PDB file of N, CA and C in Angstrom:
ATOM      1  N   MET A   1     129.327 102.451 105.723  1.00  0.00           N
ATOM      2  CA  MET A   1     130.691 102.877 105.461  1.00  0.00           C
ATOM      3  C   MET A   1     131.281 103.382 106.771  1.00  0.00           C
ATOM      4  N   MET A   2     132.454 102.956 107.101  1.00  0.00           N
ATOM      5  CA  MET A   2     133.148 103.392 108.303  1.00  0.00           C
ATOM      6  C   MET A   2     134.230 104.400 107.913  1.00  0.00           C
ATOM      7  N   ASN A   3     134.259 105.548 108.593  1.00  0.00           N
ATOM      8  CA  ASN A   3     135.244 106.596 108.330  1.00  0.00           C
ATOM      9  C   ASN A   3     136.169 106.729 109.522  1.00  0.00           C
ATOM     10  N   VAL A   4     137.465 106.829 109.256  1.00  0.00           N
ATOM     11  CA  VAL A   4     138.465 106.983 110.303  1.00  0.00           C
ATOM     12  C   VAL A   4     139.430 108.084 109.886  1.00  0.00           C
ATOM     13  N   GLY A   5     139.788 108.938 110.820  1.00  0.00           N
ATOM     14  CA  GLY A   5     140.740 110.000 110.514  1.00  0.00           C
ATOM     15  C   GLY A   5     141.534 110.407 111.735  1.00  0.00           C
ATOM     16  N   LEU A   6     142.739 110.840 111.508  1.00  0.00           N
ATOM     17  CA  LEU A   6     143.610 111.324 112.572  1.00  0.00           C
ATOM     18  C   LEU A   6     144.414 112.482 112.008  1.00  0.00           C
ATOM     19  N   SER A   7     144.389 113.619 112.706  1.00  0.00           N
ATOM     20  CA  SER A   7     145.157 114.793 112.285  1.00  0.00           C
ATOM     21  C   SER A   7     145.896 115.373 113.481  1.00  0.00           C
ATOM     22  N   LEU A   8     147.092 115.809 113.235  1.00  0.00           N
ATOM     23  CA  LEU A   8     147.886 116.505 114.236  1.00  0.00           C
ATOM     24  C   LEU A   8     148.410 117.785 113.614  1.00  0.00           C
ATOM     25  N   GLY A   9     148.513 118.814 114.417  1.00  0.00           N
ATOM     26  CA  GLY A   9     149.008 120.064 113.876  1.00  0.00           C
ATOM     27  C   GLY A   9     149.407 121.029 114.966  1.00  0.00           C
ATOM     28  N   ALA A  10     149.976 122.112 114.541  1.00  0.00           N
ATOM     29  CA  ALA A  10     150.411 123.145 115.479  1.00  0.00           C
ATOM     30  C   ALA A  10     150.510 124.467 114.746  1.00  0.00           C
ATOM     31  N   TYR A  11     150.329 125.536 115.497  1.00  0.00           N
ATOM     32  CA  TYR A  11     150.577 126.861 114.947  1.00  0.00           C
ATOM     33  C   TYR A  11     152.042 127.181 115.193  1.00  0.00           C
ATOM     34  N   VAL A  12     152.784 127.361 114.120  1.00  0.00           N
ATOM     35  CA  VAL A  12     154.217 127.638 114.230  1.00  0.00           C
ATOM     36  C   VAL A  12     154.465 129.111 114.536  1.00  0.00           C
ATOM     37  N   THR A  13     153.507 129.960 114.194  1.00  0.00           N
ATOM     38  CA  THR A  13     153.518 131.365 114.602  1.00  0.00           C
ATOM     39  C   THR A  13     152.081 131.707 114.989  1.00  0.00           C
ATOM     40  N   ARG A  14     151.851 132.934 115.377  1.00  0.00           N
ATOM     41  CA  ARG A  14     150.510 133.364 115.741  1.00  0.00           C
ATOM     42  C   ARG A  14     149.546 133.305 114.560  1.00  0.00           C
ATOM     43  N   HIS A  15     150.078 133.376 113.341  1.00  0.00           N
ATOM     44  CA  HIS A  15     149.248 133.424 112.143  1.00  0.00           C
ATOM     45  C   HIS A  15     149.295 132.166 111.279  1.00  0.00           C
ATOM     46  N   VAL A  16     150.323 131.365 111.368  1.00  0.00           N
ATOM     47  CA  VAL A  16     150.527 130.245 110.452  1.00  0.00           C
ATOM     48  C   VAL A  16     150.475 128.915 111.202  1.00  0.00           C
ATOM     49  N   GLY A  17     149.628 128.008 110.690  1.00  0.00           N
ATOM     50  CA  GLY A  17     149.514 126.672 111.265  1.00  0.00           C
ATOM     51  C   GLY A  17     149.697 125.614 110.195  1.00  0.00           C
ATOM     52  N   VAL A  18     150.143 124.424 110.612  1.00  0.00           N
ATOM     53  CA  VAL A  18     150.349 123.303 109.709  1.00  0.00           C
ATOM     54  C   VAL A  18     149.739 122.058 110.353  1.00  0.00           C
ATOM     55  N   MET A  19     148.995 121.284 109.559  1.00  0.00           N
ATOM     56  CA  MET A  19     148.398 120.045 110.044  1.00  0.00           C
ATOM     57  C   MET A  19     148.655 118.938 109.027  1.00  0.00           C
ATOM     58  N   ALA A  20     148.798 117.721 109.531  1.00  0.00           N
ATOM     59  CA  ALA A  20     148.953 116.543 108.675  1.00  0.00           C
ATOM     60  C   ALA A  20     148.228 115.386 109.345  1.00  0.00           C
ATOM     61  N   GLY A  21     147.889 114.401 108.553  1.00  0.00           N
ATOM     62  CA  GLY A  21     147.181 113.267 109.125  1.00  0.00           C
ATOM     63  C   GLY A  21     146.952 112.175 108.110  1.00  0.00           C
ATOM     64  N   VAL A  22     146.004 111.308 108.446  1.00  0.00           N
ATOM     65  CA  VAL A  22     145.609 110.217 107.564  1.00  0.00           C
ATOM     66  C   VAL A  22     144.097 110.050 107.689  1.00  0.00           C
ATOM     67  N   GLN A  23     143.450 109.763 106.570  1.00  0.00           N
ATOM     68  CA  GLN A  23     142.012 109.534 106.534  1.00  0.00           C
ATOM     69  C   GLN A  23     141.740 108.258 105.760  1.00  0.00           C
ATOM     70  N   GLY A  24     140.740 107.499 106.199  1.00  0.00           N
ATOM     71  CA  GLY A  24     140.398 106.276 105.493  1.00  0.00           C
ATOM     72  C   GLY A  24     138.930 105.933 105.635  1.00  0.00           C
ATOM     73  N   ASN A  25     138.420 105.166 104.689  1.00  0.00           N
ATOM     74  CA  ASN A  25     137.047 104.686 104.677  1.00  0.00           C
ATOM     75  C   ASN A  25     137.046 103.222 104.284  1.00  0.00           C
ATOM     76  N   TYR A  26     136.114 102.469 104.872  1.00  0.00           N
ATOM     77  CA  TYR A  26     135.964 101.061 104.514  1.00  0.00           C
ATOM     78  C   TYR A  26     134.492 100.706 104.613  1.00  0.00           C
ATOM     79  N   GLY A  27     134.000  99.897 103.697  1.00  0.00           N
ATOM     80  CA  GLY A  27     132.614  99.480 103.775  1.00  0.00           C
ATOM     81  C   GLY A  27     132.154  98.801 102.515  1.00  0.00           C
ATOM     82  N   GLY A  28     130.852  98.622 102.421  1.00  0.00           N
ATOM     83  CA  GLY A  28     130.249  97.970 101.274  1.00  0.00           C
ATOM     84  C   GLY A  28     129.567  98.970 100.371  1.00  0.00           C
ATOM     85  N   LEU A  29     129.510  98.640  99.115  1.00  0.00           N
ATOM     86  CA  LEU A  29     128.851  99.475  98.121  1.00  0.00           C
ATOM     87  C   LEU A  29     127.893  98.575  97.364  1.00  0.00           C
ATOM     88  N   THR A  30     126.661  98.994  97.209  1.00  0.00           N
ATOM     89  CA  THR A  30     125.677  98.124  96.567  1.00  0.00           C
ATOM     90  C   THR A  30     125.395  98.495  95.121  1.00  0.00           C
ATOM     91  N   ALA A  31     125.885  99.628  94.654  1.00  0.00           N
ATOM     92  CA  ALA A  31     125.649 100.010  93.261  1.00  0.00           C
ATOM     93  C   ALA A  31     126.831 100.823  92.765  1.00  0.00           C
ATOM     94  N   GLY A  32     126.989 100.896  91.456  1.00  0.00           N
ATOM     95  CA  GLY A  32     128.040 101.721  90.895  1.00  0.00           C
ATOM     96  C   GLY A  32     129.192 100.927  90.334  1.00  0.00           C
ATOM     97  N   CYS A  33     129.285  99.647  90.657  1.00  0.00           N
ATOM     98  CA  CYS A  33     130.316  98.783  90.082  1.00  0.00           C
ATOM     99  C   CYS A  33     129.650  97.862  89.070  1.00  0.00           C
ATOM    100  N   ALA A  34     130.441  97.083  88.354  1.00  0.00           N
ATOM    101  CA  ALA A  34     129.889  96.066  87.468  1.00  0.00           C
ATOM    102  C   ALA A  34     129.412  94.920  88.349  1.00  0.00           C
ATOM    103  N   GLY A  35     128.167  94.922  88.733  1.00  0.00           N
ATOM    104  CA  GLY A  35     127.646  93.979  89.719  1.00  0.00           C
ATOM    105  C   GLY A  35     127.586  94.671  91.060  1.00  0.00           C
ATOM    106  N   ASP A  36     127.417  93.918  92.108  1.00  0.00           N
ATOM    107  CA  ASP A  36     127.354  94.487  93.455  1.00  0.00           C
ATOM    108  C   ASP A  36     128.724  94.413  94.109  1.00  0.00           C
ATOM    109  N   CYS A  37     129.235  95.545  94.547  1.00  0.00           N
ATOM    110  CA  CYS A  37     130.515  95.562  95.246  1.00  0.00           C
ATOM    111  C   CYS A  37     130.296  95.087  96.673  1.00  0.00           C
ATOM    112  N   THR A  38     131.172  94.259  97.166  1.00  0.00           N
ATOM    113  CA  THR A  38     131.045  93.817  98.541  1.00  0.00           C
ATOM    114  C   THR A  38     132.057  94.493  99.438  1.00  0.00           C
ATOM    115  N   SER A  39     133.095  95.031  98.878  1.00  0.00           N
ATOM    116  CA  SER A  39     134.055  95.745  99.720  1.00  0.00           C
ATOM    117  C   SER A  39     134.651  96.915  98.958  1.00  0.00           C
ATOM    118  N   THR A  40     134.741  98.034  99.634  1.00  0.00           N
ATOM    119  CA  THR A  40     135.363  99.216  99.072  1.00  0.00           C
ATOM    120  C   THR A  40     136.210  99.871 100.151  1.00  0.00           C
ATOM    121  N   PHE A  41     137.236 100.583  99.736  1.00  0.00           N
ATOM    122  CA  PHE A  41     138.033 101.347 100.693  1.00  0.00           C
ATOM    123  C   PHE A  41     138.653 102.540  99.991  1.00  0.00           C
ATOM    124  N   SER A  42     139.034 103.514 100.786  1.00  0.00           N
ATOM    125  CA  SER A  42     139.773 104.663 100.279  1.00  0.00           C
ATOM    126  C   SER A  42     140.673 105.176 101.388  1.00  0.00           C
ATOM    127  N   TYR A  43     141.753 105.821 100.983  1.00  0.00           N
ATOM    128  CA  TYR A  43     142.643 106.446 101.972  1.00  0.00           C
ATOM    129  C   TYR A  43     143.359 107.624 101.334  1.00  0.00           C
ATOM    130  N   GLN A  44     143.819 108.534 102.190  1.00  0.00           N
ATOM    131  CA  GLN A  44     144.598 109.677 101.734  1.00  0.00           C
ATOM    132  C   GLN A  44     145.367 110.259 102.914  1.00  0.00           C
ATOM    133  N   ILE A  45     146.400 111.009 102.582  1.00  0.00           N
ATOM    134  CA  ILE A  45     147.230 111.680 103.587  1.00  0.00           C
ATOM    135  C   ILE A  45     147.117 113.184 103.339  1.00  0.00           C
ATOM    136  N   PRO A  46     146.247 113.867 104.112  1.00  0.00           N
ATOM    137  CA  PRO A  46     146.087 115.306 103.912  1.00  0.00           C
ATOM    138  C   PRO A  46     147.163 116.115 104.637  1.00  0.00           C
ATOM    139  N   ILE A  47     147.665 117.141 103.961  1.00  0.00           N
ATOM    140  CA  ILE A  47     148.592 118.110 104.554  1.00  0.00           C
ATOM    141  C   ILE A  47     147.978 119.485 104.330  1.00  0.00           C
ATOM    142  N   VAL A  48     147.728 120.205 105.410  1.00  0.00           N
ATOM    143  CA  VAL A  48     146.972 121.445 105.350  1.00  0.00           C
ATOM    144  C   VAL A  48     147.758 122.576 106.011  1.00  0.00           C
ATOM    145  N   ALA A  49     147.730 123.746 105.383  1.00  0.00           N
ATOM    146  CA  ALA A  49     148.317 124.956 105.970  1.00  0.00           C
ATOM    147  C   ALA A  49     147.189 125.951 106.232  1.00  0.00           C
ATOM    148  N   GLN A  50     147.280 126.671 107.343  1.00  0.00           N
ATOM    149  CA  GLN A  50     146.292 127.684 107.694  1.00  0.00           C
ATOM    150  C   GLN A  50     146.982 129.017 107.916  1.00  0.00           C
ATOM    151  N   TYR A  51     146.271 130.073 107.530  1.00  0.00           N
ATOM    152  CA  TYR A  51     146.760 131.426 107.805  1.00  0.00           C
ATOM    153  C   TYR A  51     145.628 132.207 108.458  1.00  0.00           C
ATOM    154  N   ALA A  52     145.854 132.689 109.683  1.00  0.00           N
ATOM    155  CA  ALA A  52     144.870 133.491 110.412  1.00  0.00           C
ATOM    156  C   ALA A  52     145.232 134.962 110.274  1.00  0.00           C
ATOM    157  N   PHE A  53     144.249 135.806 109.946  1.00  0.00           N
ATOM    158  CA  PHE A  53     144.512 137.227 109.771  1.00  0.00           C
ATOM    159  C   PHE A  53     144.819 137.913 111.100  1.00  0.00           C
ATOM    160  N   GLU A  54     144.082 137.560 112.168  1.00  0.00           N
ATOM    161  CA  GLU A  54     144.386 138.113 113.495  1.00  0.00           C
ATOM    162  C   GLU A  54     145.226 137.113 114.275  1.00  0.00           C
ATOM    163  N   ASP A  55     144.583 136.095 114.791  1.00  0.00           N
ATOM    164  CA  ASP A  55     145.263 134.939 115.366  1.00  0.00           C
ATOM    165  C   ASP A  55     144.274 133.776 115.364  1.00  0.00           C
ATOM    166  N   ARG A  56     144.724 132.597 115.650  1.00  0.00           N
ATOM    167  CA  ARG A  56     143.898 131.395 115.500  1.00  0.00           C
ATOM    168  C   ARG A  56     142.725 131.361 116.480  1.00  0.00           C
ATOM    169  N   SER A  57     142.791 132.065 117.588  1.00  0.00           N
ATOM    170  CA  SER A  57     141.713 132.009 118.568  1.00  0.00           C
ATOM    171  C   SER A  57     140.489 132.818 118.151  1.00  0.00           C
ATOM    172  N   ARG A  58     140.634 133.720 117.193  1.00  0.00           N
ATOM    173  CA  ARG A  58     139.482 134.506 116.743  1.00  0.00           C
ATOM    174  C   ARG A  58     139.745 135.051 115.342  1.00  0.00           C
ATOM    175  N   GLY A  59     138.664 135.422 114.695  1.00  0.00           N
ATOM    176  CA  GLY A  59     138.792 136.038 113.385  1.00  0.00           C
ATOM    177  C   GLY A  59     138.783 135.045 112.244  1.00  0.00           C
ATOM    178  N   VAL A  60     138.986 135.583 111.067  1.00  0.00           N
ATOM    179  CA  VAL A  60     138.933 134.823 109.823  1.00  0.00           C
ATOM    180  C   VAL A  60     140.291 134.192 109.544  1.00  0.00           C
ATOM    181  N   TYR A  61     140.261 132.977 108.971  1.00  0.00           N
ATOM    182  CA  TYR A  61     141.512 132.361 108.536  1.00  0.00           C
ATOM    183  C   TYR A  61     141.294 131.635 107.216  1.00  0.00           C
ATOM    184  N   LEU A  62     142.361 131.436 106.476  1.00  0.00           N
ATOM    185  CA  LEU A  62     142.342 130.708 105.210  1.00  0.00           C
ATOM    186  C   LEU A  62     142.982 129.348 105.425  1.00  0.00           C
ATOM    187  N   GLU A  63     142.516 128.366 104.664  1.00  0.00           N
ATOM    188  CA  GLU A  63     143.057 127.021 104.781  1.00  0.00           C
ATOM    189  C   GLU A  63     143.210 126.440 103.388  1.00  0.00           C
ATOM    190  N   ALA A  64     144.338 125.806 103.113  1.00  0.00           N
ATOM    191  CA  ALA A  64     144.587 125.156 101.823  1.00  0.00           C
ATOM    192  C   ALA A  64     145.474 123.949 102.060  1.00  0.00           C
ATOM    193  N   GLY A  65     145.367 122.972 101.199  1.00  0.00           N
ATOM    194  CA  GLY A  65     146.196 121.798 101.405  1.00  0.00           C
ATOM    195  C   GLY A  65     146.196 120.848 100.231  1.00  0.00           C
ATOM    196  N   LEU A  66     146.872 119.735 100.436  1.00  0.00           N
ATOM    197  CA  LEU A  66     146.999 118.665  99.460  1.00  0.00           C
ATOM    198  C   LEU A  66     146.534 117.368 100.103  1.00  0.00           C
ATOM    199  N   ALA A  67     145.986 116.472  99.304  1.00  0.00           N
ATOM    200  CA  ALA A  67     145.641 115.130  99.763  1.00  0.00           C
ATOM    201  C   ALA A  67     146.549 114.162  99.006  1.00  0.00           C
ATOM    202  N   LEU A  68     147.615 113.755  99.643  1.00  0.00           N
ATOM    203  CA  LEU A  68     148.607 112.896  99.002  1.00  0.00           C
ATOM    204  C   LEU A  68     148.162 111.439  99.003  1.00  0.00           C
ATOM    205  N   LEU A  69     148.597 110.699  98.009  1.00  0.00           N
ATOM    206  CA  LEU A  69     148.346 109.268  97.868  1.00  0.00           C
ATOM    207  C   LEU A  69     146.871 108.906  97.960  1.00  0.00           C
ATOM    208  N   THR A  70     146.003 109.726  97.389  1.00  0.00           N
ATOM    209  CA  THR A  70     144.573 109.444  97.404  1.00  0.00           C
ATOM    210  C   THR A  70     144.297 108.185  96.584  1.00  0.00           C
ATOM    211  N   THR A  71     143.633 107.208  97.191  1.00  0.00           N
ATOM    212  CA  THR A  71     143.337 105.933  96.532  1.00  0.00           C
ATOM    213  C   THR A  71     141.912 105.510  96.846  1.00  0.00           C
ATOM    214  N   TYR A  72     141.176 105.091  95.828  1.00  0.00           N
ATOM    215  CA  TYR A  72     139.839 104.524  95.961  1.00  0.00           C
ATOM    216  C   TYR A  72     139.860 103.142  95.319  1.00  0.00           C
ATOM    217  N   ALA A  73     139.279 102.135  95.977  1.00  0.00           N
ATOM    218  CA  ALA A  73     139.282 100.784  95.417  1.00  0.00           C
ATOM    219  C   ALA A  73     138.024 100.039  95.827  1.00  0.00           C
ATOM    220  N   GLY A  74     137.658  99.042  95.017  1.00  0.00           N
ATOM    221  CA  GLY A  74     136.515  98.194  95.312  1.00  0.00           C
ATOM    222  C   GLY A  74     136.619  96.902  94.538  1.00  0.00           C
ATOM    223  N   SER A  75     135.965  95.858  95.032  1.00  0.00           N
ATOM    224  CA  SER A  75     135.956  94.586  94.324  1.00  0.00           C
ATOM    225  C   SER A  75     134.570  93.964  94.421  1.00  0.00           C
ATOM    226  N   THR A  76     134.214  93.195  93.401  1.00  0.00           N
ATOM    227  CA  THR A  76     132.890  92.583  93.338  1.00  0.00           C
ATOM    228  C   THR A  76     132.892  91.210  93.996  1.00  0.00           C
ATOM    229  N   ASP A  77     131.710  90.767  94.353  1.00  0.00           N
ATOM    230  CA  ASP A  77     131.510  89.482  95.005  1.00  0.00           C
ATOM    231  C   ASP A  77     131.346  88.392  93.949  1.00  0.00           C
ATOM    232  N   THR A  78     131.977  87.245  94.179  1.00  0.00           N
ATOM    233  CA  THR A  78     131.798  86.122  93.260  1.00  0.00           C
ATOM    234  C   THR A  78     131.155  84.927  93.962  1.00  0.00           C
ATOM    235  N   LYS A  79     130.656  85.101  95.183  1.00  0.00           N
ATOM    236  CA  LYS A  79     130.054  83.972  95.915  1.00  0.00           C
ATOM    237  C   LYS A  79     128.804  83.445  95.229  1.00  0.00           C
ATOM    238  N   GLU A  80     127.953  84.347  94.714  1.00  0.00           N
ATOM    239  CA  GLU A  80     126.735  83.911  94.048  1.00  0.00           C
ATOM    240  C   GLU A  80     127.007  83.334  92.665  1.00  0.00           C
ATOM    241  N   HIS A  81     128.084  83.776  92.014  1.00  0.00           N
ATOM    242  CA  HIS A  81     128.431  83.302  90.669  1.00  0.00           C
ATOM    243  C   HIS A  81     129.911  82.918  90.652  1.00  0.00           C
ATOM    244  N   PRO A  82     130.260  81.727  91.183  1.00  0.00           N
ATOM    245  CA  PRO A  82     131.680  81.345  91.271  1.00  0.00           C
ATOM    246  C   PRO A  82     132.353  81.167  89.912  1.00  0.00           C
ATOM    247  N   GLU A  83     131.562  81.025  88.827  1.00  0.00           N
ATOM    248  CA  GLU A  83     132.165  80.882  87.498  1.00  0.00           C
ATOM    249  C   GLU A  83     132.747  82.193  86.995  1.00  0.00           C
ATOM    250  N   ARG A  84     132.331  83.305  87.582  1.00  0.00           N
ATOM    251  CA  ARG A  84     132.855  84.620  87.207  1.00  0.00           C
ATOM    252  C   ARG A  84     134.108  84.944  88.011  1.00  0.00           C
ATOM    253  N   SER A  85     135.002  85.672  87.386  1.00  0.00           N
ATOM    254  CA  SER A  85     136.183  86.129  88.122  1.00  0.00           C
ATOM    255  C   SER A  85     135.837  87.440  88.824  1.00  0.00           C
ATOM    256  N   PRO A  86     136.427  87.702  89.984  1.00  0.00           N
ATOM    257  CA  PRO A  86     136.135  88.967  90.674  1.00  0.00           C
ATOM    258  C   PRO A  86     136.641  90.159  89.862  1.00  0.00           C
ATOM    259  N   GLU A  87     135.874  91.226  89.892  1.00  0.00           N
ATOM    260  CA  GLU A  87     136.268  92.458  89.211  1.00  0.00           C
ATOM    261  C   GLU A  87     136.766  93.432  90.258  1.00  0.00           C
ATOM    262  N   THR A  88     137.843  94.107  89.944  1.00  0.00           N
ATOM    263  CA  THR A  88     138.454  95.032  90.884  1.00  0.00           C
ATOM    264  C   THR A  88     138.699  96.360  90.180  1.00  0.00           C
ATOM    265  N   ILE A  89     138.461  97.432  90.898  1.00  0.00           N
ATOM    266  CA  ILE A  89     138.780  98.764  90.385  1.00  0.00           C
ATOM    267  C   ILE A  89     139.632  99.491  91.432  1.00  0.00           C
ATOM    268  N   LYS A  90     140.658 100.163  90.979  1.00  0.00           N
ATOM    269  CA  LYS A  90     141.518 100.932  91.872  1.00  0.00           C
ATOM    270  C   LYS A  90     141.929 102.200  91.152  1.00  0.00           C
ATOM    271  N   MET A  91     141.720 103.341  91.814  1.00  0.00           N
ATOM    272  CA  MET A  91     142.102 104.636  91.259  1.00  0.00           C
ATOM    273  C   MET A  91     143.019 105.320  92.258  1.00  0.00           C
ATOM    274  N   SER A  92     144.110 105.870  91.790  1.00  0.00           N
ATOM    275  CA  SER A  92     145.052 106.552  92.657  1.00  0.00           C
ATOM    276  C   SER A  92     145.486 107.863  92.028  1.00  0.00           C
ATOM    277  N   ALA A  93     145.871 108.806  92.881  1.00  0.00           N
ATOM    278  CA  ALA A  93     146.409 110.092  92.440  1.00  0.00           C
ATOM    279  C   ALA A  93     147.568 110.464  93.357  1.00  0.00           C
ATOM    280  N   PRO A  94     148.620 111.068  92.820  1.00  0.00           N
ATOM    281  CA  PRO A  94     149.765 111.419  93.682  1.00  0.00           C
ATOM    282  C   PRO A  94     149.445 112.544  94.646  1.00  0.00           C
TER     283      PRO A  94
END
């Protein structure tokens, strides 16, 4: 499975920071589908807020966020059994 992610952010004050980005995965799955999955992928757009009690360079901070457009998908291989139609699963959340 290959994982890719990119996040950018900034502290808008000494205590409050905001980050956003994109995360994705791609690869093969050998179990868990109806048959053997040959390709799977997922992606999401995380938006995260941080609050530092002292400041971001030291001390404790809290972090919370949302993962927008989270999607997981996979499809089965039909090369070994061409008489079968490919099966696909896709799950999404706002």
